[in-house]
Amino acid sequence: MTTVISSETKSHQPLPKITAPVWLQTVEALFQPLEYLEKQRSRMGDIYWGESFAFPHLVIIGDPKGIEQVFTADPNCFEIGNSNKIVHPIVGGYSLILLDGQSHQQQRKLLMPPFHGERMRNYGQTIYNVTQQVMEKWPKNQPFLMRQSTQEITLRVIIETVFGVHQGEKLERLQHLLNEFLEIFNKVWGAMFLFYPILQKDLGAWSPWGKYLRLRQEIDEILFTEIKERRHQLPTEDILSLMISAKDENGQSMSDQELRDELMTLLFAGHETTASAIAWAFYWIHRQPEIKQKLLEELKEVDVENEGITVAKLPYLSAVCAETLRIYPVAIFAFSRKTKVPMEIMGYQIEPGMTLLPSIYSVHHREDIYPNAKQFRPERFLERQFSPYEYLPFGGGNRRCLGYAFALFEMKLVLATILKQTQLTLLEPKEVKPMRRSVTFTPSTGIKMRVNQ
């Protein structure tokens, strides 16, 4: 456990601090976050603190030992929900992301069953069918953007598995609204509405925030209507039915508002991140043809449609997915944690009110752990195992992503389905870099590809 100490018990060396003006730190962190992290780590080391207009006293940790101290500390040492409030406009106040203490523990238990065990096998058919349907729409010998296709796949998969709806006007309407909703925060300027609440002003339907509020209202109407209707129906096997049926130790089920906020969390976190990860995987697989050949060899004897669990266990496919999530993690930080008590991290005194940011990107690019870290090399995951503090694409501790097993299963099944049936060509002559998409990161070009005849 992390040592919690009084500031009077021992003296500490001062925590390294970025001395650049706050405005410059803010601009660099918003517009060039990866370059900013690399520059500061080379200057400041593995732990340092900086400031921004939205988040004063940010402590960046890029060392596995320091991250282990954070992840294994008593969760009561931190205020986590409030320090991640930038996603409140998207997911709502009852989202698992924004809960602390016992409320977080209870809600996590209620939400865990749909994402583990035998239920994963049931989702395999949905993932396979949706992927097939999206593939059929690809133009022959014409460019298309893989990131758009993977977003369509993952959004449809999460809607179908959550609601048990496979077609119809309701599905199409919700899919359209969610796409519009997320596009508002797509680029850096849109993300600023999340980072800076002062910009959250309704200036009419044509203003960004006004458009957001109206879209949210339309989505809410669909979700609340669906929740009310489902409460009066016999339960089925979809995720919403499981959530409605779930009860805590006191026999209490989730309220309509709690269900709505958890649904928004699933719809947002359950497709945006996976869509980017799959698009990145196609980029790397086709940028290095030898990787594609090894994957095709491994997939040769597997029936992807009927053997989803077998596909998920294939070692080289697993290594490709792991390396994809290492080199450009979709989230560059684990959930932030604001300290409520004095703490010692890596020999430094951390005062109450400081926000700890474990840097996934910084750890994943350490040369002492990942030699030639800029190189995409899946074999590194076949040669050794990494600790949960050296490899952490889904965060860690009691805040590890609840749907990580579902995300990996979907990623592997989509890749296998497409690779076995379609010949694709990558149309990206230059190296593709990540760009900010709200609070996550995605390929800047969308990954242009073409289906070969």
Protein backbone atom coordinates (compact mmCIF):
# COMPACT_ATOMS: atom_id res chain seq x y z
CA MET A 1 0.00 0.00 0.00
CA THR A 2 1.14 3.58 -0.57
CA THR A 3 2.51 5.19 2.56
CA VAL A 4 0.27 7.94 3.90
CA ILE A 5 2.31 10.21 6.14
CA SER A 6 2.16 13.48 7.98
CA SER A 7 4.14 16.27 6.41
CA GLU A 8 5.92 16.67 9.74
CA THR A 9 7.35 13.14 9.94
CA LYS A 10 10.23 13.50 7.48
CA SER A 11 11.70 15.96 5.02
CA HIS A 12 11.48 15.42 1.28
CA GLN A 13 13.17 16.83 -1.77
CA PRO A 14 10.83 19.14 -3.63
CA LEU A 15 8.76 17.62 -6.42
CA PRO A 16 10.14 18.84 -9.80
CA LYS A 17 7.90 21.55 -11.23
CA ILE A 18 7.44 22.77 -14.80
CA THR A 19 8.33 26.45 -14.76
CA ALA A 20 6.80 27.45 -18.11
CA PRO A 21 3.87 29.92 -17.94
CA VAL A 22 0.51 28.30 -17.22
CA TRP A 23 -0.92 29.48 -20.55
CA LEU A 24 1.92 27.77 -22.45
CA GLN A 25 1.52 24.52 -20.51
CA THR A 26 -2.22 24.62 -21.25
CA VAL A 27 -1.77 25.20 -24.99
CA GLU A 28 0.90 22.51 -25.37
CA ALA A 29 -1.05 19.95 -23.35
CA LEU A 30 -4.19 20.58 -25.43
CA PHE A 31 -2.72 20.82 -28.92
CA GLN A 32 0.45 18.68 -28.74
CA PRO A 33 -0.10 16.33 -25.79
CA LEU A 34 2.22 13.49 -26.82
CA GLU A 35 5.09 15.79 -27.76
CA TYR A 36 4.50 17.66 -24.51
CA LEU A 37 4.73 14.47 -22.46
CA GLU A 38 7.92 13.36 -24.22
CA LYS A 39 9.55 16.77 -23.84
CA GLN A 40 8.71 17.08 -20.16
CA ARG A 41 9.84 13.56 -19.33
CA SER A 42 13.22 14.18 -20.96
CA ARG A 43 13.55 17.42 -18.96
CA MET A 44 11.86 16.61 -15.67
CA GLY A 45 12.16 12.84 -15.21
CA ASP A 46 9.56 10.26 -14.22
CA ILE A 47 7.50 12.37 -11.83
CA TYR A 48 6.86 16.11 -11.94
CA TRP A 49 4.04 18.57 -11.60
CA GLY A 50 2.64 21.28 -13.78
CA GLU A 51 -0.43 23.47 -14.12
CA SER A 52 -3.13 24.37 -16.61
CA PHE A 53 -6.05 26.78 -16.50
CA ALA A 54 -8.48 23.90 -16.01
CA PHE A 55 -6.36 21.65 -13.77
CA PRO A 56 -3.93 23.22 -11.29
CA HIS A 57 -1.40 21.01 -9.49
CA LEU A 58 -1.23 18.07 -11.93
CA VAL A 59 1.35 15.44 -10.95
CA ILE A 60 2.40 13.36 -13.99
CA ILE A 61 3.77 9.90 -13.15
CA GLY A 62 5.62 7.94 -15.84
CA ASP A 63 7.34 5.31 -13.70
CA PRO A 64 5.86 1.82 -13.03
CA LYS A 65 6.93 1.93 -9.38
CA GLY A 66 5.10 5.22 -8.84
CA ILE A 67 2.04 3.98 -10.72
CA GLU A 68 2.01 0.82 -8.61
CA GLN A 69 1.95 3.00 -5.50
CA VAL A 70 -1.05 4.89 -6.85
CA PHE A 71 -2.99 1.82 -8.05
CA THR A 72 -2.46 -0.13 -4.82
CA ALA A 73 -3.20 2.76 -2.45
CA ASP A 74 -6.36 2.81 -0.34
CA PRO A 75 -9.02 4.30 -2.69
CA ASN A 76 -10.24 6.39 0.25
CA CYS A 77 -7.04 8.44 -0.05
CA PHE A 78 -8.38 9.88 -3.29
CA GLU A 79 -11.25 11.86 -4.69
CA ILE A 80 -11.64 10.32 -8.13
CA GLY A 81 -15.11 11.14 -9.39
CA ASN A 82 -14.79 14.91 -9.06
CA SER A 83 -11.33 14.95 -10.61
CA ASN A 84 -12.75 13.34 -13.79
CA LYS A 85 -15.75 15.67 -14.05
CA ILE A 86 -14.82 16.77 -17.57
CA VAL A 87 -16.79 13.74 -18.88
CA HIS A 88 -19.88 14.67 -16.83
CA PRO A 89 -21.64 16.36 -19.79
CA ILE A 90 -21.29 13.14 -21.80
CA VAL A 91 -22.01 10.41 -19.24
CA GLY A 92 -23.93 12.12 -16.40
CA GLY A 93 -23.36 12.32 -12.66
CA TYR A 94 -24.35 8.72 -11.79
CA SER A 95 -21.85 7.18 -14.20
CA LEU A 96 -19.46 4.65 -12.68
CA ILE A 97 -16.64 6.93 -13.86
CA LEU A 98 -17.74 9.72 -11.52
CA LEU A 99 -18.64 7.71 -8.42
CA ASP A 100 -16.41 7.33 -5.37
CA GLY A 101 -16.19 5.09 -2.31
CA GLN A 102 -18.95 2.61 -1.56
CA SER A 103 -21.21 3.95 -4.34
CA HIS A 104 -18.49 3.13 -6.87
CA GLN A 105 -17.92 -0.32 -5.39
CA GLN A 106 -21.62 -1.22 -5.41
CA GLN A 107 -22.24 0.06 -8.92
CA ARG A 108 -19.19 -1.77 -10.26
CA LYS A 109 -20.49 -5.06 -8.82
CA LEU A 110 -23.89 -4.50 -10.42
CA LEU A 111 -22.37 -3.77 -13.84
CA MET A 112 -19.72 -6.48 -13.96
CA PRO A 113 -21.71 -9.65 -14.90
CA PRO A 114 -22.58 -8.73 -18.54
CA PHE A 115 -18.90 -8.30 -19.48
CA HIS A 116 -17.36 -11.56 -18.36
CA GLY A 117 -17.65 -15.33 -18.58
CA GLU A 118 -20.01 -17.24 -20.84
CA ARG A 119 -21.83 -14.10 -21.95
CA MET A 120 -18.84 -13.15 -24.11
CA ARG A 121 -19.57 -16.15 -26.33
CA ASN A 122 -23.07 -14.81 -26.97
CA TYR A 123 -21.71 -11.47 -28.15
CA GLY A 124 -19.45 -13.14 -30.73
CA GLN A 125 -22.24 -13.75 -33.23
CA THR A 126 -23.38 -10.12 -33.05
CA ILE A 127 -19.83 -8.85 -33.61
CA TYR A 128 -19.35 -11.19 -36.58
CA ASN A 129 -22.70 -10.31 -38.20
CA VAL A 130 -22.29 -6.54 -37.82
CA THR A 131 -18.75 -6.69 -39.23
CA GLN A 132 -20.01 -8.62 -42.25
CA GLN A 133 -22.77 -6.08 -42.88
CA VAL A 134 -20.35 -3.14 -42.76
CA MET A 135 -17.85 -4.91 -45.04
CA GLU A 136 -20.56 -5.45 -47.66
CA LYS A 137 -20.95 -1.67 -48.01
CA TRP A 138 -17.28 -1.04 -48.84
CA PRO A 139 -16.72 0.23 -52.39
CA LYS A 140 -14.50 -1.90 -54.62
CA ASN A 141 -11.24 -0.28 -55.72
CA GLN A 142 -12.21 3.04 -54.14
CA PRO A 143 -10.79 4.62 -51.01
CA PHE A 144 -12.70 4.52 -47.73
CA LEU A 145 -11.82 5.51 -44.18
CA MET A 146 -11.32 2.54 -41.90
CA ARG A 147 -11.94 4.64 -38.76
CA GLN A 148 -15.46 5.45 -40.00
CA SER A 149 -16.15 1.76 -40.61
CA THR A 150 -14.80 0.64 -37.25
CA GLN A 151 -16.90 3.30 -35.55
CA GLU A 152 -20.00 2.01 -37.33
CA ILE A 153 -19.14 -1.55 -36.31
CA THR A 154 -18.45 -0.82 -32.65
CA LEU A 155 -21.41 1.54 -32.24
CA ARG A 156 -23.82 -0.97 -33.76
CA VAL A 157 -22.34 -3.79 -31.68
CA ILE A 158 -22.73 -1.90 -28.41
CA ILE A 159 -26.29 -0.78 -29.28
CA GLU A 160 -27.31 -4.32 -30.24
CA THR A 161 -25.72 -5.98 -27.21
CA VAL A 162 -27.06 -3.32 -24.81
CA PHE A 163 -30.62 -3.18 -26.16
CA GLY A 164 -30.98 -6.52 -27.93
CA VAL A 165 -32.20 -4.64 -31.02
CA HIS A 166 -30.71 -5.78 -34.34
CA GLN A 167 -32.55 -3.55 -36.79
CA GLY A 168 -35.25 -0.94 -37.07
CA GLU A 169 -35.87 2.76 -36.82
CA LYS A 170 -34.98 3.01 -33.13
CA LEU A 171 -31.49 1.57 -33.66
CA GLU A 172 -30.82 3.79 -36.67
CA ARG A 173 -32.09 6.90 -34.88
CA LEU A 174 -29.97 6.28 -31.81
CA GLN A 175 -26.90 5.53 -33.91
CA HIS A 176 -27.35 8.75 -35.87
CA LEU A 177 -27.84 10.87 -32.73
CA LEU A 178 -24.82 9.39 -30.95
CA ASN A 179 -22.60 10.02 -33.97
CA GLU A 180 -23.72 13.65 -34.10
CA PHE A 181 -23.33 13.97 -30.33
CA LEU A 182 -19.73 12.75 -30.33
CA GLU A 183 -18.72 14.73 -33.40
CA ILE A 184 -19.25 17.95 -31.41
CA PHE A 185 -16.22 17.02 -29.28
CA ASN A 186 -14.26 15.47 -32.12
CA LYS A 187 -11.38 17.93 -32.54
CA VAL A 188 -9.33 19.96 -30.08
CA TRP A 189 -11.66 22.97 -30.25
CA GLY A 190 -14.63 20.77 -29.46
CA ALA A 191 -12.77 19.13 -26.58
CA MET A 192 -12.25 22.57 -25.04
CA PHE A 193 -15.98 22.65 -24.20
CA LEU A 194 -15.33 19.67 -21.90
CA PHE A 195 -12.14 21.04 -20.37
CA TYR A 196 -13.45 24.56 -19.74
CA PRO A 197 -16.98 24.78 -18.27
CA ILE A 198 -17.02 28.55 -18.82
CA LEU A 199 -17.56 27.78 -22.54
CA GLN A 200 -20.64 25.68 -21.82
CA LYS A 201 -23.21 28.32 -22.83
CA ASP A 202 -26.42 27.69 -24.74
CA LEU A 203 -26.35 30.35 -27.46
CA GLY A 204 -29.04 28.71 -29.55
CA ALA A 205 -29.41 25.56 -31.64
CA TRP A 206 -26.59 26.55 -33.99
CA SER A 207 -24.02 27.10 -31.25
CA PRO A 208 -21.86 24.05 -30.34
CA TRP A 209 -23.14 23.82 -26.77
CA GLY A 210 -26.72 24.55 -27.80
CA LYS A 211 -26.55 21.78 -30.38
CA TYR A 212 -25.07 19.44 -27.77
CA LEU A 213 -27.90 20.13 -25.28
CA ARG A 214 -30.59 19.47 -27.87
CA LEU A 215 -28.96 16.25 -29.04
CA ARG A 216 -28.58 15.09 -25.44
CA GLN A 217 -32.29 15.74 -24.85
CA GLU A 218 -33.24 13.63 -27.90
CA ILE A 219 -30.95 10.79 -26.78
CA ASP A 220 -32.33 10.99 -23.24
CA GLU A 221 -35.90 10.70 -24.53
CA ILE A 222 -35.00 7.45 -26.32
CA LEU A 223 -33.10 6.03 -23.34
CA PHE A 224 -35.69 6.89 -20.67
CA THR A 225 -38.53 5.58 -22.87
CA GLU A 226 -36.64 2.32 -23.39
CA ILE A 227 -35.90 1.97 -19.65
CA LYS A 228 -39.55 2.54 -18.68
CA GLU A 229 -40.81 0.05 -21.28
CA ARG A 230 -38.27 -2.60 -20.22
CA ARG A 231 -39.28 -2.38 -16.55
CA HIS A 232 -42.69 -3.77 -17.55
CA GLN A 233 -41.38 -6.55 -19.78
CA LEU A 234 -39.98 -9.99 -19.04
CA PRO A 235 -36.17 -9.85 -18.79
CA THR A 236 -34.09 -10.96 -21.78
CA GLU A 237 -30.37 -11.60 -22.25
CA ASP A 238 -29.32 -8.13 -23.40
CA ILE A 239 -27.21 -5.88 -21.19
CA LEU A 240 -30.02 -3.41 -20.36
CA SER A 241 -32.23 -6.26 -19.07
CA LEU A 242 -29.35 -7.50 -16.91
CA MET A 243 -28.79 -4.00 -15.55
CA ILE A 244 -32.49 -3.52 -14.73
CA SER A 245 -32.60 -6.91 -12.97
CA ALA A 246 -29.41 -6.33 -10.95
CA LYS A 247 -29.87 -5.63 -7.23
CA ASP A 248 -27.39 -4.61 -4.56
CA GLU A 249 -27.03 -6.33 -1.17
CA ASN A 250 -29.98 -4.32 0.13
CA GLY A 251 -32.23 -5.52 -2.67
CA GLN A 252 -32.17 -2.11 -4.40
CA SER A 253 -32.07 -1.87 -8.19
CA MET A 254 -30.76 1.10 -10.17
CA SER A 255 -32.97 4.15 -10.66
CA ASP A 256 -33.95 5.36 -14.13
CA GLN A 257 -31.35 8.14 -13.91
CA GLU A 258 -28.61 5.74 -12.82
CA LEU A 259 -29.49 3.40 -15.68
CA ARG A 260 -29.50 6.29 -18.15
CA ASP A 261 -26.04 7.47 -17.04
CA GLU A 262 -24.57 3.96 -17.14
CA LEU A 263 -26.07 3.44 -20.61
CA MET A 264 -24.41 6.65 -21.82
CA THR A 265 -21.12 5.46 -20.30
CA LEU A 266 -21.41 2.14 -22.15
CA LEU A 267 -22.44 3.77 -25.42
CA PHE A 268 -19.59 6.28 -25.24
CA ALA A 269 -16.75 4.26 -23.69
CA GLY A 270 -17.97 1.01 -25.26
CA HIS A 271 -17.42 2.01 -28.84
CA GLU A 272 -15.32 5.17 -29.29
CA THR A 273 -12.14 3.72 -27.84
CA THR A 274 -12.44 0.30 -29.49
CA ALA A 275 -13.15 1.88 -32.88
CA SER A 276 -9.86 3.81 -32.76
CA ALA A 277 -7.89 0.78 -31.54
CA ILE A 278 -9.18 -1.43 -34.39
CA ALA A 279 -8.42 1.28 -36.99
CA TRP A 280 -4.87 1.58 -35.64
CA ALA A 281 -4.47 -2.21 -35.84
CA PHE A 282 -5.39 -2.23 -39.54
CA TYR A 283 -2.87 0.56 -40.13
CA TRP A 284 0.02 -1.33 -38.50
CA ILE A 285 -0.92 -4.71 -39.99
CA HIS A 286 -0.91 -3.31 -43.53
CA ARG A 287 2.08 -1.04 -43.00
CA GLN A 288 4.20 -4.08 -42.15
CA PRO A 289 3.10 -6.89 -44.54
CA GLU A 290 5.03 -9.57 -42.64
CA ILE A 291 2.67 -9.03 -39.70
CA LYS A 292 -0.34 -9.59 -41.94
CA GLN A 293 1.19 -12.81 -43.28
CA LYS A 294 1.79 -14.19 -39.79
CA LEU A 295 -1.79 -13.34 -38.80
CA LEU A 296 -3.26 -15.03 -41.90
CA GLU A 297 -1.20 -18.13 -41.20
CA GLU A 298 -2.48 -18.25 -37.62
CA LEU A 299 -6.09 -17.70 -38.73
CA LYS A 300 -5.98 -20.28 -41.53
CA GLU A 301 -7.59 -23.17 -39.63
CA VAL A 302 -9.99 -21.12 -37.47
CA ASP A 303 -13.73 -20.79 -38.13
CA VAL A 304 -14.12 -17.16 -37.04
CA GLU A 305 -17.93 -17.16 -37.12
CA ASN A 306 -18.32 -20.11 -34.78
CA GLU A 307 -15.09 -20.09 -32.80
CA GLY A 308 -14.91 -16.61 -31.35
CA ILE A 309 -13.46 -17.78 -28.04
CA THR A 310 -10.71 -19.68 -29.91
CA VAL A 311 -9.94 -16.55 -31.96
CA ALA A 312 -9.60 -14.51 -28.77
CA LYS A 313 -6.90 -16.89 -27.50
CA LEU A 314 -4.69 -16.87 -30.62
CA PRO A 315 -1.22 -15.79 -29.44
CA TYR A 316 -0.01 -13.71 -32.39
CA LEU A 317 -3.37 -11.94 -32.85
CA SER A 318 -3.31 -11.17 -29.11
CA ALA A 319 0.23 -9.81 -29.43
CA VAL A 320 -0.76 -7.56 -32.35
CA CYS A 321 -3.67 -6.14 -30.36
CA ALA A 322 -1.47 -5.63 -27.29
CA GLU A 323 1.19 -3.81 -29.31
CA THR A 324 -1.49 -1.66 -30.98
CA LEU A 325 -2.73 -0.55 -27.56
CA ARG A 326 0.82 -0.01 -26.35
CA ILE A 327 2.26 2.19 -29.06
CA TYR A 328 -0.67 4.63 -29.28
CA PRO A 329 -2.98 4.03 -26.31
CA VAL A 330 -6.46 5.42 -26.91
CA ALA A 331 -6.32 7.13 -23.50
CA ILE A 332 -2.90 8.57 -22.69
CA PHE A 333 -3.62 8.79 -18.95
CA ALA A 334 -5.29 6.48 -16.46
CA PHE A 335 -8.11 8.04 -14.43
CA SER A 336 -6.86 11.01 -12.45
CA ARG A 337 -6.93 10.84 -8.67
CA LYS A 338 -7.03 13.91 -6.42
CA THR A 339 -5.30 13.36 -3.09
CA LYS A 340 -7.32 13.85 0.10
CA VAL A 341 -4.40 13.24 2.47
CA PRO A 342 -0.60 13.76 2.37
CA MET A 343 1.08 10.90 0.51
CA GLU A 344 4.56 9.76 -0.39
CA ILE A 345 5.07 8.74 -4.02
CA MET A 346 8.55 7.75 -5.25
CA GLY A 347 10.09 9.53 -2.27
CA TYR A 348 8.28 12.81 -2.90
CA GLN A 349 5.73 14.40 -0.60
CA ILE A 350 2.37 14.84 -2.34
CA GLU A 351 0.11 17.34 -0.60
CA PRO A 352 -3.71 17.10 -0.37
CA GLY A 353 -5.48 18.62 -3.36
CA MET A 354 -2.89 17.56 -5.95
CA THR A 355 -4.17 15.55 -8.91
CA LEU A 356 -2.19 12.42 -9.81
CA LEU A 357 -2.10 11.46 -13.48
CA PRO A 358 -0.54 8.05 -14.23
CA SER A 359 0.79 8.46 -17.76
CA ILE A 360 -0.01 5.38 -19.85
CA TYR A 361 1.76 6.84 -22.87
CA SER A 362 4.96 7.66 -20.98
CA VAL A 363 5.26 4.17 -19.47
CA HIS A 364 4.48 2.48 -22.80
CA HIS A 365 7.33 4.40 -24.42
CA ARG A 366 10.05 3.71 -21.86
CA GLU A 367 13.11 2.32 -23.60
CA ASP A 368 14.12 0.36 -20.48
CA ILE A 369 10.87 -1.63 -20.70
CA TYR A 370 10.13 -1.51 -24.44
CA PRO A 371 13.42 -1.28 -26.43
CA ASN A 372 12.92 0.64 -29.69
CA ALA A 373 9.61 1.80 -28.28
CA LYS A 374 8.64 3.73 -31.44
CA GLN A 375 8.79 0.52 -33.46
CA PHE A 376 5.64 -1.58 -33.85
CA ARG A 377 6.80 -5.07 -32.84
CA PRO A 378 4.14 -7.52 -31.59
CA GLU A 379 6.80 -10.12 -30.78
CA ARG A 380 7.72 -8.25 -27.61
CA PHE A 381 4.47 -9.53 -26.08
CA LEU A 382 5.42 -13.12 -26.96
CA GLU A 383 8.90 -12.79 -25.50
CA ARG A 384 7.96 -11.63 -22.01
CA GLN A 385 5.08 -10.70 -19.75
CA PHE A 386 4.65 -7.15 -18.50
CA SER A 387 3.33 -6.17 -15.10
CA PRO A 388 0.03 -4.24 -14.82
CA TYR A 389 2.13 -1.15 -14.02
CA GLU A 390 4.31 -1.52 -17.15
CA TYR A 391 1.41 -2.23 -19.53
CA LEU A 392 -1.85 -0.51 -18.68
CA PRO A 393 -3.95 0.41 -21.74
CA PHE A 394 -7.14 0.05 -19.68
CA GLY A 395 -5.89 1.88 -16.58
CA GLY A 396 -5.57 0.01 -13.33
CA GLY A 397 -6.38 -0.45 -9.68
CA ASN A 398 -10.04 -0.26 -8.75
CA ARG A 399 -10.58 1.95 -11.82
CA ARG A 400 -9.49 -0.50 -14.48
CA CYS A 401 -11.91 -0.33 -17.42
CA LEU A 402 -14.85 -2.59 -16.64
CA GLY A 403 -15.32 -3.55 -20.29
CA TYR A 404 -11.70 -4.36 -21.14
CA ALA A 405 -12.42 -8.07 -21.85
CA PHE A 406 -15.33 -7.13 -24.14
CA ALA A 407 -13.17 -4.55 -25.96
CA LEU A 408 -10.33 -7.02 -26.59
CA PHE A 409 -12.76 -9.74 -27.69
CA GLU A 410 -14.42 -7.37 -30.15
CA MET A 411 -11.10 -6.06 -31.44
CA LYS A 412 -9.78 -9.57 -32.17
CA LEU A 413 -12.99 -10.81 -33.74
CA VAL A 414 -13.37 -7.80 -36.06
CA LEU A 415 -9.74 -8.09 -37.20
CA ALA A 416 -10.03 -11.84 -37.80
CA THR A 417 -13.35 -11.54 -39.66
CA ILE A 418 -12.07 -8.89 -42.07
CA LEU A 419 -8.57 -10.30 -42.60
CA LYS A 420 -9.88 -13.76 -43.51
CA GLN A 421 -12.36 -12.49 -46.08
CA THR A 422 -11.01 -9.31 -47.65
CA GLN A 423 -7.82 -8.11 -49.29
CA LEU A 424 -7.12 -4.50 -48.33
CA THR A 425 -4.50 -1.98 -49.38
CA LEU A 426 -3.29 0.81 -47.10
CA LEU A 427 -3.38 4.21 -48.84
CA GLU A 428 -1.29 6.16 -46.34
CA PRO A 429 2.07 7.11 -47.91
CA LYS A 430 3.19 8.99 -44.79
CA GLU A 431 3.34 7.95 -41.17
CA VAL A 432 0.00 8.52 -39.42
CA LYS A 433 0.02 10.29 -36.05
CA PRO A 434 -2.63 10.39 -33.32
CA MET A 435 -4.92 13.36 -32.81
CA ARG A 436 -7.20 14.31 -29.94
CA ARG A 437 -10.84 13.20 -30.17
CA SER A 438 -12.58 14.62 -27.07
CA VAL A 439 -10.74 12.90 -24.18
CA THR A 440 -9.33 10.06 -26.32
CA PHE A 441 -6.89 9.79 -29.23
CA THR A 442 -7.50 8.46 -32.72
CA PRO A 443 -5.61 8.19 -36.07
CA SER A 444 -5.41 11.69 -37.53
CA THR A 445 -6.17 10.61 -41.12
CA GLY A 446 -8.97 8.14 -40.39
CA ILE A 447 -6.75 5.44 -42.05
CA LYS A 448 -7.49 5.50 -45.77
CA MET A 449 -7.74 2.02 -47.30
CA ARG A 450 -9.05 0.27 -50.42
CA VAL A 451 -10.66 -3.12 -51.02
CA ASN A 452 -8.83 -5.04 -53.75
CA GLN A 453 -10.86 -6.78 -56.45
